[in-house]
Amino acid sequence: MGLRCPQSFVVDVFYDNGTEFIKFTNGKEITVDTAWRWEWERLLKYATNQ
């Protein structure tokens, strides 16, 4: 794991079969491409809701 930031919602960024994913503290994962397309508020809600 890389840089640690207080109150960060990101646990890890990783590759799987050539696709880059973001893993959040709530256990959810999303592709980086999808995260770029979503608005910030939608991504924050996804990253913080169980």
C-alpha atoms as a PDB file:
ATOM      1  CA  MET A   1       0.000   0.000   0.000  1.00  0.00           C
ATOM      2  CA  GLY A   2       1.162   3.513  -0.671  1.00  0.00           C
ATOM      3  CA  LEU A   3       0.559   6.899   0.873  1.00  0.00           C
ATOM      4  CA  ARG A   4      -1.552   7.102   4.042  1.00  0.00           C
ATOM      5  CA  CYS A   5      -3.924  10.020   4.490  1.00  0.00           C
ATOM      6  CA  PRO A   6      -6.150  10.694   7.505  1.00  0.00           C
ATOM      7  CA  GLN A   7      -9.850  10.259   6.720  1.00  0.00           C
ATOM      8  CA  SER A   8      -9.084   8.712   3.344  1.00  0.00           C
ATOM      9  CA  PHE A   9     -11.755   6.453   1.893  1.00  0.00           C
ATOM     10  CA  VAL A  10      -9.324   4.670  -0.448  1.00  0.00           C
ATOM     11  CA  VAL A  11      -7.668   1.500   0.832  1.00  0.00           C
ATOM     12  CA  ASP A  12      -5.851   0.485  -2.346  1.00  0.00           C
ATOM     13  CA  VAL A  13      -5.587   0.951  -6.090  1.00  0.00           C
ATOM     14  CA  PHE A  14      -4.823  -2.272  -7.941  1.00  0.00           C
ATOM     15  CA  TYR A  15      -4.828  -3.990 -11.321  1.00  0.00           C
ATOM     16  CA  ASP A  16      -6.797  -7.121 -12.140  1.00  0.00           C
ATOM     17  CA  ASN A  17      -6.566  -8.586 -15.659  1.00  0.00           C
ATOM     18  CA  GLY A  18      -5.427  -5.226 -17.046  1.00  0.00           C
ATOM     19  CA  THR A  19      -8.174  -3.162 -15.381  1.00  0.00           C
ATOM     20  CA  GLU A  20      -7.353  -0.627 -12.669  1.00  0.00           C
ATOM     21  CA  PHE A  21      -9.590  -0.669  -9.583  1.00  0.00           C
ATOM     22  CA  ILE A  22     -10.047   1.471  -6.477  1.00  0.00           C
ATOM     23  CA  LYS A  23     -10.867  -0.329  -3.215  1.00  0.00           C
ATOM     24  CA  PHE A  24     -12.620   1.708  -0.515  1.00  0.00           C
ATOM     25  CA  THR A  25     -12.672   1.308   3.267  1.00  0.00           C
ATOM     26  CA  ASN A  26     -16.284   0.034   3.092  1.00  0.00           C
ATOM     27  CA  GLY A  27     -15.072  -2.953   1.028  1.00  0.00           C
ATOM     28  CA  LYS A  28     -16.555  -1.772  -2.263  1.00  0.00           C
ATOM     29  CA  GLU A  29     -14.502  -1.601  -5.452  1.00  0.00           C
ATOM     30  CA  ILE A  30     -14.915   0.447  -8.623  1.00  0.00           C
ATOM     31  CA  THR A  31     -12.925   0.743 -11.817  1.00  0.00           C
ATOM     32  CA  VAL A  32     -10.865   3.889 -12.192  1.00  0.00           C
ATOM     33  CA  ASP A  33     -12.597   4.570 -15.518  1.00  0.00           C
ATOM     34  CA  THR A  34     -16.011   4.543 -13.845  1.00  0.00           C
ATOM     35  CA  ALA A  35     -14.773   6.732 -10.999  1.00  0.00           C
ATOM     36  CA  TRP A  36     -13.609   9.332 -13.521  1.00  0.00           C
ATOM     37  CA  ARG A  37     -17.067   9.414 -15.147  1.00  0.00           C
ATOM     38  CA  TRP A  38     -19.057   9.741 -11.925  1.00  0.00           C
ATOM     39  CA  GLU A  39     -19.593  13.095 -10.261  1.00  0.00           C
ATOM     40  CA  TRP A  40     -17.700  13.629  -6.985  1.00  0.00           C
ATOM     41  CA  GLU A  41     -20.850  13.470  -4.839  1.00  0.00           C
ATOM     42  CA  ARG A  42     -21.907  10.130  -6.342  1.00  0.00           C
ATOM     43  CA  LEU A  43     -18.445   8.638  -5.847  1.00  0.00           C
ATOM     44  CA  LEU A  44     -18.266   9.883  -2.256  1.00  0.00           C
ATOM     45  CA  LYS A  45     -21.674   8.360  -1.486  1.00  0.00           C
ATOM     46  CA  TYR A  46     -20.567   5.034  -3.000  1.00  0.00           C
ATOM     47  CA  ALA A  47     -17.309   5.092  -1.020  1.00  0.00           C
ATOM     48  CA  THR A  48     -18.927   5.869   2.332  1.00  0.00           C
ATOM     49  CA  ASN A  49     -22.150   3.790   2.288  1.00  0.00           C
ATOM     50  CA  GLN A  50     -22.167   0.190   3.414  1.00  0.00           C
END
